[in-house]
Amino acid sequence: MSDATRTYSADQLWLADGWSADGAFAVDASGHVAPPEGEAERLGAWVLPGMPNLHSHAFQRAMAGLAERKGRSDDSFWTWRETMYAFAAAIGPEELKAIAAQLYVEMLKAGYTQVCEFHYLHHQPDGTPYAQPEAMSLALIEAARETGITLTLLPVLYMTGGFDGRPLSARQRRFGNDLSSYVRLLEALRRHEGDGLRIGIALHSLRAVPEEAMRGLLATRIAQDLPVHIHIAEQIGEVQDCLATRGARPVEWLLDHAPVDARWTLVHATHLTGHETSRLARSGAVAGLCPTTEANLGDGLFPLSDYLDAKGVLGIGSDSHISISPVEELRWLEYGQRLSTRHRNIAARREGDSVGETLWRAALRGGARAAGLPVGELRAAARADLLVLDDESPLLAARDARSLLDSFLFAGNTPLVRHVMCGGRWVVRDFRHHDEAGIAARYRAVVERLAQA
């Protein structure tokens, strides 16, 4: 065995086809999975690939729980957005880095090893660019590198305040870019790409990106090989406005007017007709589902059964970070369907199938695609992003390969992720991140300062 290669073993290792009792693998000097060599260090009973988080707005972690008081009217996404805008106005690069670092530590401890950051806080609160236009993006990159999480950074193109093309409001100006300044931002950020950082494209929404601008961006040279993400069909009001101005529902319109394929991730896509559901599945795009945020905002329920039957690809994200747990996202993806249909075991498509295995496998596959990563599994040449579950926990006692993932997802709220490796580096050991205390102290200081602003 070479000095730079380390070999590990587990009683059970999750591979593309499920659990394997031959759980030996190595990690080479570049942080990638390699064939095992020589004597192995036993990690534990159960080792899983880390879960990608395909949708995050990092700054919203610091406002989680601050929009839960009844307003003067019927509360919805649109009233919550007003609270979010006010909070966002106080955040600069220093604050964003501290909040994102705390968030990414929490993600790693929960079992997310990769995050797609849908980032639209580009400028100063009055819309004036920073001296370094990519300053806010760099704060996220620095936070990811500090914590060790793999980052797909998706700077957002945000141009108009509605489907009617109205100008951005005062509180939206810091989000805005014209097409040329947005392309320059992409070019600047791509110079920072490396093994732990991928750059992609985010179109904020159909209401924020006019058709001509969307076509112009997608035709640029820099856009040809990048992942493309977009918020779409999250709320009924958005569907109604799209019908009124463009004569079609949002997903229907997008599929008719853009080259939607496996590079694309349609975030939320909550309100779909049966025809839209089957067309989205056939496109190869990822449905980016964020069940805890969608529940918190009262958005609605995705048509999971029909989409799975159509062989659609999906992944999960924590979005507004009202919860930071792949277990809870997958659990509530299933539970929402159970409440709606008054039946059980909805995600499993055949008799005897495991709901936990079905959901974990689907979210790994879709999350990796959304992130622009080659695979979402532990195989040769893949990044060594993995979780070691706590086989000492009573919640996993007497569990075998047939029941382990179902117990992991549905048997309680005790943390079960004991160790986390990201890019071949141990970032969490015995439930603790290596720089947890210092990052938490910096976060508390920032949040206390924001509370007084």
Protein backbone atom coordinates (compact mmCIF):
# COMPACT_ATOMS: atom_id res chain seq x y z
CA MET A 1 0.00 0.00 0.00
CA SER A 2 1.38 3.42 -0.94
CA ASP A 3 1.94 6.00 1.81
CA ALA A 4 -0.71 8.26 0.29
CA THR A 5 -3.43 5.61 -0.03
CA ARG A 6 -5.55 4.56 2.96
CA THR A 7 -7.72 1.45 2.93
CA TYR A 8 -10.91 1.14 4.94
CA SER A 9 -13.56 -1.50 5.50
CA ALA A 10 -17.15 -1.65 6.68
CA ASP A 11 -19.40 -4.57 7.45
CA GLN A 12 -21.80 -3.17 4.85
CA LEU A 13 -21.00 -0.59 2.15
CA TRP A 14 -23.75 1.07 0.10
CA LEU A 15 -23.03 0.68 -3.63
CA ALA A 16 -25.10 1.45 -6.71
CA ASP A 17 -27.10 -1.79 -6.36
CA GLY A 18 -27.52 -1.63 -2.59
CA TRP A 19 -25.58 -2.99 0.37
CA SER A 20 -22.42 -5.01 -0.19
CA ALA A 21 -20.89 -7.17 2.53
CA ASP A 22 -17.53 -6.86 0.76
CA GLY A 23 -17.06 -3.37 2.13
CA ALA A 24 -13.39 -2.69 1.47
CA PHE A 25 -12.22 0.41 -0.42
CA ALA A 26 -9.30 2.81 -0.46
CA VAL A 27 -8.94 6.58 -0.63
CA ASP A 28 -6.02 7.93 -2.62
CA ALA A 29 -3.99 11.11 -2.11
CA SER A 30 -6.36 13.14 -4.29
CA GLY A 31 -9.37 12.22 -2.10
CA HIS A 32 -10.93 9.79 -4.54
CA VAL A 33 -12.08 6.20 -4.13
CA ALA A 34 -9.54 3.59 -5.25
CA PRO A 35 -9.22 -0.20 -5.15
CA PRO A 36 -8.29 -1.51 -1.67
CA GLU A 37 -4.63 -2.21 -0.93
CA GLY A 38 -3.33 -4.16 2.03
CA GLU A 39 -4.63 -3.99 5.60
CA ALA A 40 -7.83 -2.03 6.14
CA GLU A 41 -9.00 0.18 8.98
CA ARG A 42 -12.53 -0.83 10.01
CA LEU A 43 -14.87 2.16 10.06
CA GLY A 44 -18.01 0.52 11.39
CA ALA A 45 -20.99 -1.54 10.37
CA TRP A 46 -22.64 0.82 7.88
CA VAL A 47 -21.02 3.21 5.36
CA LEU A 48 -23.06 5.30 2.91
CA PRO A 49 -22.25 7.84 0.19
CA GLY A 50 -22.78 11.39 1.44
CA MET A 51 -25.98 13.11 0.31
CA PRO A 52 -25.90 16.13 -2.05
CA ASN A 53 -28.02 19.12 -0.99
CA LEU A 54 -29.21 20.53 -4.31
CA HIS A 55 -30.78 23.80 -3.13
CA SER A 56 -29.53 26.26 -0.51
CA HIS A 57 -29.88 29.96 0.29
CA ALA A 58 -27.19 30.10 2.97
CA PHE A 59 -28.06 33.49 4.49
CA GLN A 60 -31.59 32.32 5.34
CA ARG A 61 -30.19 29.95 8.00
CA ALA A 62 -29.85 32.92 10.36
CA MET A 63 -33.54 33.89 10.00
CA ALA A 64 -35.02 30.41 10.46
CA GLY A 65 -37.85 30.67 12.97
CA LEU A 66 -38.25 34.47 12.65
CA ALA A 67 -41.28 34.42 10.35
CA GLU A 68 -43.66 32.30 12.41
CA ARG A 69 -46.01 34.95 13.83
CA LYS A 70 -49.42 35.56 12.28
CA GLY A 71 -49.59 38.58 10.00
CA ARG A 72 -52.46 40.90 9.16
CA SER A 73 -53.54 38.85 6.17
CA ASP A 74 -53.41 35.24 5.09
CA ASP A 75 -49.74 34.34 5.34
CA SER A 76 -48.03 32.69 2.37
CA PHE A 77 -44.71 32.57 0.57
CA TRP A 78 -45.27 36.18 -0.48
CA THR A 79 -45.63 37.51 3.09
CA TRP A 80 -42.64 35.41 4.22
CA ARG A 81 -40.64 36.98 1.39
CA GLU A 82 -41.07 40.43 2.94
CA THR A 83 -39.40 39.22 6.14
CA MET A 84 -36.62 37.67 4.10
CA TYR A 85 -35.97 40.85 2.13
CA ALA A 86 -35.66 42.90 5.32
CA PHE A 87 -33.24 40.38 6.81
CA ALA A 88 -31.12 40.14 3.66
CA ALA A 89 -30.56 43.90 3.64
CA ALA A 90 -28.27 43.67 6.68
CA ILE A 91 -25.90 41.01 5.34
CA GLY A 92 -22.50 41.71 3.81
CA PRO A 93 -19.57 39.44 2.95
CA GLU A 94 -18.36 39.02 6.55
CA GLU A 95 -21.83 38.13 7.79
CA LEU A 96 -22.49 35.80 4.86
CA LYS A 97 -19.24 33.89 5.40
CA ALA A 98 -19.98 33.38 9.11
CA ILE A 99 -23.57 32.25 8.49
CA ALA A 100 -22.60 29.95 5.63
CA ALA A 101 -19.79 28.33 7.61
CA GLN A 102 -22.15 27.53 10.47
CA LEU A 103 -24.70 26.19 8.02
CA TYR A 104 -22.17 24.00 6.24
CA VAL A 105 -20.96 22.52 9.54
CA GLU A 106 -24.57 21.62 10.34
CA MET A 107 -25.01 20.11 6.88
CA LEU A 108 -21.91 17.95 7.21
CA LYS A 109 -22.93 16.70 10.64
CA ALA A 110 -26.36 15.79 9.25
CA GLY A 111 -24.98 13.81 6.31
CA TYR A 112 -24.84 16.33 3.45
CA THR A 113 -21.38 16.31 1.86
CA GLN A 114 -22.15 18.63 -1.06
CA VAL A 115 -24.28 21.77 -1.43
CA CYS A 116 -25.65 23.66 -4.44
CA GLU A 117 -25.71 27.31 -3.36
CA PHE A 118 -28.42 29.27 -5.22
CA HIS A 119 -26.85 32.66 -4.56
CA TYR A 120 -28.45 36.01 -5.33
CA LEU A 121 -27.06 38.46 -2.73
CA HIS A 122 -24.57 39.90 -5.22
CA HIS A 123 -24.30 43.63 -4.41
CA GLN A 124 -24.49 46.05 -1.51
CA PRO A 125 -28.01 46.59 -0.08
CA ASP A 126 -28.62 49.68 -2.27
CA GLY A 127 -27.63 47.75 -5.41
CA THR A 128 -24.16 49.28 -5.74
CA PRO A 129 -21.60 46.62 -6.72
CA TYR A 130 -18.83 45.84 -4.28
CA ALA A 131 -15.33 46.96 -5.29
CA GLN A 132 -14.77 43.29 -6.07
CA PRO A 133 -18.07 42.34 -7.77
CA GLU A 134 -17.78 38.69 -6.74
CA ALA A 135 -17.15 39.51 -3.06
CA MET A 136 -20.32 37.83 -1.79
CA SER A 137 -19.69 34.74 -3.90
CA LEU A 138 -16.15 34.52 -2.55
CA ALA A 139 -17.53 34.58 0.99
CA LEU A 140 -19.44 31.38 0.20
CA ILE A 141 -16.41 29.77 -1.42
CA GLU A 142 -14.29 30.60 1.63
CA ALA A 143 -16.93 29.17 3.98
CA ALA A 144 -17.07 25.94 1.99
CA ARG A 145 -13.30 25.57 1.99
CA GLU A 146 -13.08 26.31 5.70
CA THR A 147 -15.62 23.64 6.58
CA GLY A 148 -14.65 21.06 3.96
CA ILE A 149 -17.99 20.71 2.16
CA THR A 150 -18.07 20.32 -1.64
CA LEU A 151 -19.70 23.39 -3.24
CA THR A 152 -21.55 23.92 -6.50
CA LEU A 153 -21.94 27.70 -6.58
CA LEU A 154 -24.87 28.90 -8.66
CA PRO A 155 -24.79 32.70 -9.03
CA VAL A 156 -28.29 33.88 -9.85
CA LEU A 157 -29.40 35.94 -12.85
CA TYR A 158 -32.16 38.24 -11.55
CA MET A 159 -33.36 41.03 -13.85
CA THR A 160 -37.05 41.91 -13.41
CA GLY A 161 -39.58 42.12 -10.58
CA GLY A 162 -42.37 40.17 -12.27
CA PHE A 163 -43.66 38.49 -15.42
CA ASP A 164 -44.71 41.93 -16.71
CA GLY A 165 -41.09 43.06 -16.81
CA ARG A 166 -41.36 45.63 -14.03
CA PRO A 167 -38.06 47.01 -12.65
CA LEU A 168 -36.59 45.50 -9.52
CA SER A 169 -37.87 47.00 -6.30
CA ALA A 170 -35.52 48.81 -3.96
CA ARG A 171 -35.05 45.66 -1.88
CA GLN A 172 -34.33 43.56 -4.97
CA ARG A 173 -31.64 45.79 -6.47
CA ARG A 174 -28.80 44.00 -4.75
CA PHE A 175 -29.88 40.82 -6.57
CA GLY A 176 -29.80 42.33 -10.04
CA ASN A 177 -27.39 41.99 -12.97
CA ASP A 178 -27.69 42.67 -16.64
CA LEU A 179 -26.57 39.89 -18.94
CA SER A 180 -23.07 41.21 -19.59
CA SER A 181 -22.25 41.79 -15.91
CA TYR A 182 -23.63 38.34 -15.07
CA VAL A 183 -21.40 36.66 -17.67
CA ARG A 184 -18.40 38.55 -16.26
CA LEU A 185 -19.31 37.24 -12.80
CA LEU A 186 -19.38 33.67 -14.13
CA GLU A 187 -16.01 34.16 -15.81
CA ALA A 188 -14.46 35.51 -12.62
CA LEU A 189 -15.83 32.65 -10.51
CA ARG A 190 -14.77 29.91 -12.92
CA ARG A 191 -11.16 30.90 -12.26
CA HIS A 192 -11.66 29.56 -8.72
CA GLU A 193 -12.95 26.14 -9.78
CA GLY A 194 -11.19 23.07 -8.42
CA ASP A 195 -11.95 19.61 -7.11
CA GLY A 196 -14.13 20.94 -4.29
CA LEU A 197 -15.80 23.75 -6.25
CA ARG A 198 -18.01 23.67 -9.34
CA ILE A 199 -19.67 26.76 -10.88
CA GLY A 200 -23.12 26.61 -12.45
CA ILE A 201 -25.93 28.89 -13.63
CA ALA A 202 -29.09 29.85 -11.77
CA LEU A 203 -32.01 31.58 -13.45
CA HIS A 204 -33.92 32.93 -10.49
CA SER A 205 -37.35 32.25 -12.00
CA LEU A 206 -39.36 32.91 -15.13
CA ARG A 207 -40.73 36.07 -13.53
CA ALA A 208 -37.20 37.40 -12.91
CA VAL A 209 -35.53 36.45 -16.22
CA PRO A 210 -37.13 37.61 -19.50
CA GLU A 211 -37.21 35.14 -22.37
CA GLU A 212 -34.72 37.10 -24.48
CA ALA A 213 -32.19 37.18 -21.64
CA MET A 214 -32.61 33.47 -20.97
CA ARG A 215 -31.97 32.66 -24.61
CA GLY A 216 -29.00 35.01 -24.73
CA LEU A 217 -27.38 33.48 -21.67
CA LEU A 218 -27.87 29.90 -22.80
CA ALA A 219 -26.27 30.77 -26.15
CA THR A 220 -23.05 32.08 -24.59
CA ARG A 221 -19.91 29.97 -24.74
CA ILE A 222 -19.50 29.91 -20.97
CA ALA A 223 -22.97 28.42 -20.44
CA GLN A 224 -22.49 25.38 -22.64
CA ASP A 225 -21.23 22.88 -20.05
CA LEU A 226 -22.60 24.25 -16.79
CA PRO A 227 -25.45 22.95 -14.61
CA VAL A 228 -28.58 25.13 -14.93
CA HIS A 229 -30.99 25.61 -12.01
CA ILE A 230 -34.27 27.54 -11.83
CA HIS A 231 -37.05 28.13 -9.30
CA ILE A 232 -40.33 27.16 -10.97
CA ALA A 233 -44.01 26.52 -10.24
CA GLU A 234 -43.52 26.88 -6.49
CA GLN A 235 -46.72 28.81 -5.80
CA ILE A 236 -50.19 28.96 -7.34
CA GLY A 237 -49.83 32.72 -7.80
CA GLU A 238 -46.78 32.17 -10.00
CA VAL A 239 -48.70 29.69 -12.16
CA GLN A 240 -51.59 32.13 -12.56
CA ASP A 241 -49.29 35.03 -13.49
CA CYS A 242 -47.44 32.92 -16.04
CA LEU A 243 -50.71 31.85 -17.64
CA ALA A 244 -51.87 35.47 -17.80
CA THR A 245 -48.68 36.87 -19.36
CA ARG A 246 -47.20 33.98 -21.34
CA GLY A 247 -50.27 31.89 -22.08
CA ALA A 248 -48.87 28.72 -20.53
CA ARG A 249 -48.09 27.20 -17.17
CA PRO A 250 -44.46 27.71 -15.98
CA VAL A 251 -43.10 24.19 -16.52
CA GLU A 252 -45.02 23.83 -19.77
CA TRP A 253 -43.62 27.16 -21.00
CA LEU A 254 -40.05 26.30 -20.02
CA LEU A 255 -40.13 22.90 -21.71
CA ASP A 256 -41.46 24.56 -24.87
CA HIS A 257 -38.93 27.41 -24.93
CA ALA A 258 -35.66 26.12 -23.46
CA PRO A 259 -33.38 23.12 -24.15
CA VAL A 260 -34.23 21.43 -20.86
CA ASP A 261 -32.18 18.25 -20.41
CA ALA A 262 -30.10 16.42 -17.82
CA ARG A 263 -28.06 19.59 -17.08
CA TRP A 264 -31.16 21.29 -15.66
CA THR A 265 -32.64 21.27 -12.17
CA LEU A 266 -36.19 22.56 -11.76
CA VAL A 267 -36.43 23.57 -8.11
CA HIS A 268 -39.81 22.90 -6.46
CA ALA A 269 -41.93 22.26 -9.60
CA THR A 270 -44.72 21.81 -7.07
CA HIS A 271 -47.74 22.61 -9.20
CA LEU A 272 -47.75 20.34 -12.25
CA THR A 273 -50.40 18.87 -14.49
CA GLY A 274 -50.13 15.21 -15.42
CA HIS A 275 -48.80 16.18 -18.84
CA GLU A 276 -46.14 18.46 -17.35
CA THR A 277 -45.14 15.71 -14.92
CA SER A 278 -44.51 13.18 -17.68
CA ARG A 279 -42.73 15.72 -19.90
CA LEU A 280 -40.44 16.79 -17.06
CA ALA A 281 -39.56 13.16 -16.36
CA ARG A 282 -38.79 12.49 -20.03
CA SER A 283 -36.52 15.54 -20.26
CA GLY A 284 -33.95 14.01 -17.88
CA ALA A 285 -33.95 17.15 -15.75
CA VAL A 286 -33.88 16.88 -11.96
CA ALA A 287 -36.89 17.87 -9.87
CA GLY A 288 -35.32 19.68 -6.92
CA LEU A 289 -37.61 19.01 -3.96
CA CYS A 290 -37.35 20.82 -0.63
CA PRO A 291 -40.14 19.30 1.48
CA THR A 292 -39.48 21.04 4.81
CA THR A 293 -39.28 24.51 3.23
CA GLU A 294 -42.24 23.80 0.95
CA ALA A 295 -44.22 22.76 4.03
CA ASN A 296 -43.06 25.78 6.05
CA LEU A 297 -44.12 28.15 3.26
CA GLY A 298 -47.38 26.35 2.50
CA ASP A 299 -46.37 25.74 -1.11
CA GLY A 300 -48.06 22.40 -1.74
CA LEU A 301 -47.12 18.80 -2.55
CA PHE A 302 -45.15 17.50 -5.52
CA PRO A 303 -46.86 14.68 -7.54
CA LEU A 304 -44.35 12.06 -6.39
CA SER A 305 -46.08 8.83 -7.44
CA ASP A 306 -46.79 9.94 -11.00
CA TYR A 307 -43.26 11.31 -11.37
CA LEU A 308 -41.60 8.12 -10.13
CA ASP A 309 -43.80 6.02 -12.39
CA ALA A 310 -42.61 8.16 -15.30
CA LYS A 311 -38.98 7.41 -14.29
CA GLY A 312 -38.31 11.00 -13.28
CA VAL A 313 -35.09 12.04 -11.53
CA LEU A 314 -35.29 13.88 -8.20
CA GLY A 315 -33.05 15.25 -5.48
CA ILE A 316 -33.51 17.09 -2.19
CA GLY A 317 -32.48 20.46 -0.78
CA SER A 318 -32.83 22.29 2.51
CA ASP A 319 -33.56 25.63 0.77
CA SER A 320 -34.47 28.10 3.57
CA HIS A 321 -32.87 25.85 6.23
CA ILE A 322 -35.87 25.63 8.49
CA SER A 323 -34.44 22.13 8.82
CA ILE A 324 -30.99 20.82 7.92
CA SER A 325 -31.33 17.08 7.59
CA PRO A 326 -31.52 14.75 4.60
CA VAL A 327 -33.37 12.34 6.88
CA GLU A 328 -36.12 14.88 7.51
CA GLU A 329 -36.35 15.97 3.87
CA LEU A 330 -36.80 12.37 2.69
CA ARG A 331 -39.09 11.49 5.58
CA TRP A 332 -41.40 14.41 4.85
CA LEU A 333 -41.29 13.81 1.14
CA GLU A 334 -42.86 10.44 1.93
CA TYR A 335 -45.10 11.63 4.79
CA GLY A 336 -46.60 14.44 2.72
CA GLN A 337 -47.72 11.85 0.18
CA ARG A 338 -49.13 9.62 2.93
CA LEU A 339 -51.17 12.47 4.36
CA SER A 340 -52.45 13.42 0.92
CA THR A 341 -53.39 9.89 -0.20
CA ARG A 342 -54.14 8.30 3.20
CA HIS A 343 -51.96 5.33 2.23
CA ARG A 344 -48.48 4.18 3.27
CA ASN A 345 -45.16 3.34 1.56
CA ILE A 346 -45.83 5.64 -1.38
CA ALA A 347 -42.30 6.02 -2.80
CA ALA A 348 -41.78 2.26 -3.09
CA ARG A 349 -43.06 1.26 -6.52
CA ARG A 350 -43.14 -2.55 -6.24
CA GLU A 351 -44.20 -5.02 -3.60
CA GLY A 352 -41.34 -5.65 -1.19
CA ASP A 353 -39.41 -2.48 -2.12
CA SER A 354 -37.94 -0.42 0.73
CA VAL A 355 -39.12 3.19 0.96
CA GLY A 356 -35.85 4.23 2.59
CA GLU A 357 -33.68 2.63 -0.08
CA THR A 358 -35.86 3.97 -2.88
CA LEU A 359 -35.63 7.54 -1.60
CA TRP A 360 -31.94 7.49 -0.65
CA ARG A 361 -30.92 6.02 -4.01
CA ALA A 362 -33.06 8.51 -5.94
CA ALA A 363 -31.79 11.53 -4.02
CA LEU A 364 -28.15 10.46 -4.44
CA ARG A 365 -28.58 10.10 -8.17
CA GLY A 366 -30.50 13.33 -8.68
CA GLY A 367 -28.37 15.35 -6.29
CA ALA A 368 -25.15 14.37 -8.04
CA ARG A 369 -26.65 15.28 -11.41
CA ALA A 370 -27.86 18.64 -10.12
CA ALA A 371 -24.44 19.41 -8.67
CA GLY A 372 -22.65 18.60 -11.91
CA LEU A 373 -20.83 15.72 -10.25
CA PRO A 374 -20.13 12.52 -12.19
CA VAL A 375 -21.67 10.05 -9.73
CA GLY A 376 -23.47 9.87 -6.40
CA GLU A 377 -21.96 6.64 -5.19
CA LEU A 378 -18.79 5.08 -3.79
CA ARG A 379 -16.95 3.62 -6.75
CA ALA A 380 -13.48 3.87 -8.25
CA ALA A 381 -12.43 7.45 -9.18
CA ALA A 382 -15.45 9.04 -7.43
CA ARG A 383 -14.84 11.65 -4.73
CA ALA A 384 -14.60 9.99 -1.34
CA ASP A 385 -17.66 11.64 0.21
CA LEU A 386 -19.10 9.25 2.76
CA LEU A 387 -20.97 8.79 6.04
CA VAL A 388 -20.32 6.27 8.77
CA LEU A 389 -23.47 5.56 10.77
CA ASP A 390 -23.42 5.05 14.52
CA ASP A 391 -23.75 1.29 14.89
CA GLU A 392 -23.73 1.74 18.69
CA SER A 393 -27.07 3.55 18.60
CA PRO A 394 -30.06 1.65 20.03
CA LEU A 395 -32.06 2.84 17.00
CA LEU A 396 -29.98 0.57 14.76
CA ALA A 397 -29.87 -2.43 17.10
CA ALA A 398 -30.69 -5.75 15.43
CA ARG A 399 -31.06 -4.08 12.01
CA ASP A 400 -29.84 -5.85 8.89
CA ALA A 401 -29.33 -4.75 5.31
CA ARG A 402 -33.05 -5.11 4.58
CA SER A 403 -34.11 -2.73 7.34
CA LEU A 404 -31.17 -0.37 7.92
CA LEU A 405 -32.10 2.54 5.63
CA ASP A 406 -35.76 2.41 6.64
CA SER A 407 -34.69 2.63 10.29
CA PHE A 408 -32.23 5.44 9.49
CA LEU A 409 -34.97 7.53 7.87
CA PHE A 410 -38.06 6.64 9.89
CA ALA A 411 -37.02 5.51 13.39
CA GLY A 412 -36.54 8.75 15.28
CA ASN A 413 -34.56 12.00 15.50
CA THR A 414 -31.38 10.91 17.28
CA PRO A 415 -28.34 11.85 15.13
CA LEU A 416 -26.99 8.69 13.55
CA VAL A 417 -24.16 10.10 11.41
CA ARG A 418 -21.02 9.44 13.46
CA HIS A 419 -18.20 10.25 11.01
CA VAL A 420 -18.16 12.17 7.72
CA MET A 421 -15.47 12.17 5.04
CA CYS A 422 -15.51 14.77 2.27
CA GLY A 423 -13.03 14.62 -0.58
CA GLY A 424 -10.98 12.05 1.33
CA ARG A 425 -10.71 14.26 4.43
CA TRP A 426 -12.38 13.51 7.74
CA VAL A 427 -14.46 16.61 8.50
CA VAL A 428 -16.65 15.09 11.23
CA ARG A 429 -15.38 12.60 13.78
CA ASP A 430 -17.53 11.20 16.60
CA PHE A 431 -20.32 13.68 15.77
CA ARG A 432 -18.02 16.76 15.96
CA HIS A 433 -16.74 18.96 13.15
CA HIS A 434 -13.04 19.71 13.45
CA ASP A 435 -13.62 23.50 13.79
CA GLU A 436 -17.12 23.48 15.21
CA ALA A 437 -16.53 25.67 18.27
CA GLY A 438 -14.73 28.49 16.50
CA ILE A 439 -17.25 28.63 13.64
CA ALA A 440 -20.19 28.63 16.07
CA ALA A 441 -18.66 31.47 18.12
CA ARG A 442 -18.23 33.61 15.00
CA TYR A 443 -21.79 32.83 13.90
CA ARG A 444 -23.26 33.81 17.28
CA ALA A 445 -21.43 37.14 17.22
CA VAL A 446 -22.76 37.92 13.74
CA VAL A 447 -26.35 36.94 14.53
CA GLU A 448 -26.32 39.00 17.72
CA ARG A 449 -25.07 41.98 15.74
CA LEU A 450 -27.78 41.49 13.11
CA ALA A 451 -30.44 41.31 15.81
CA GLN A 452 -29.44 44.77 17.01
CA ALA A 453 -29.36 46.31 13.54
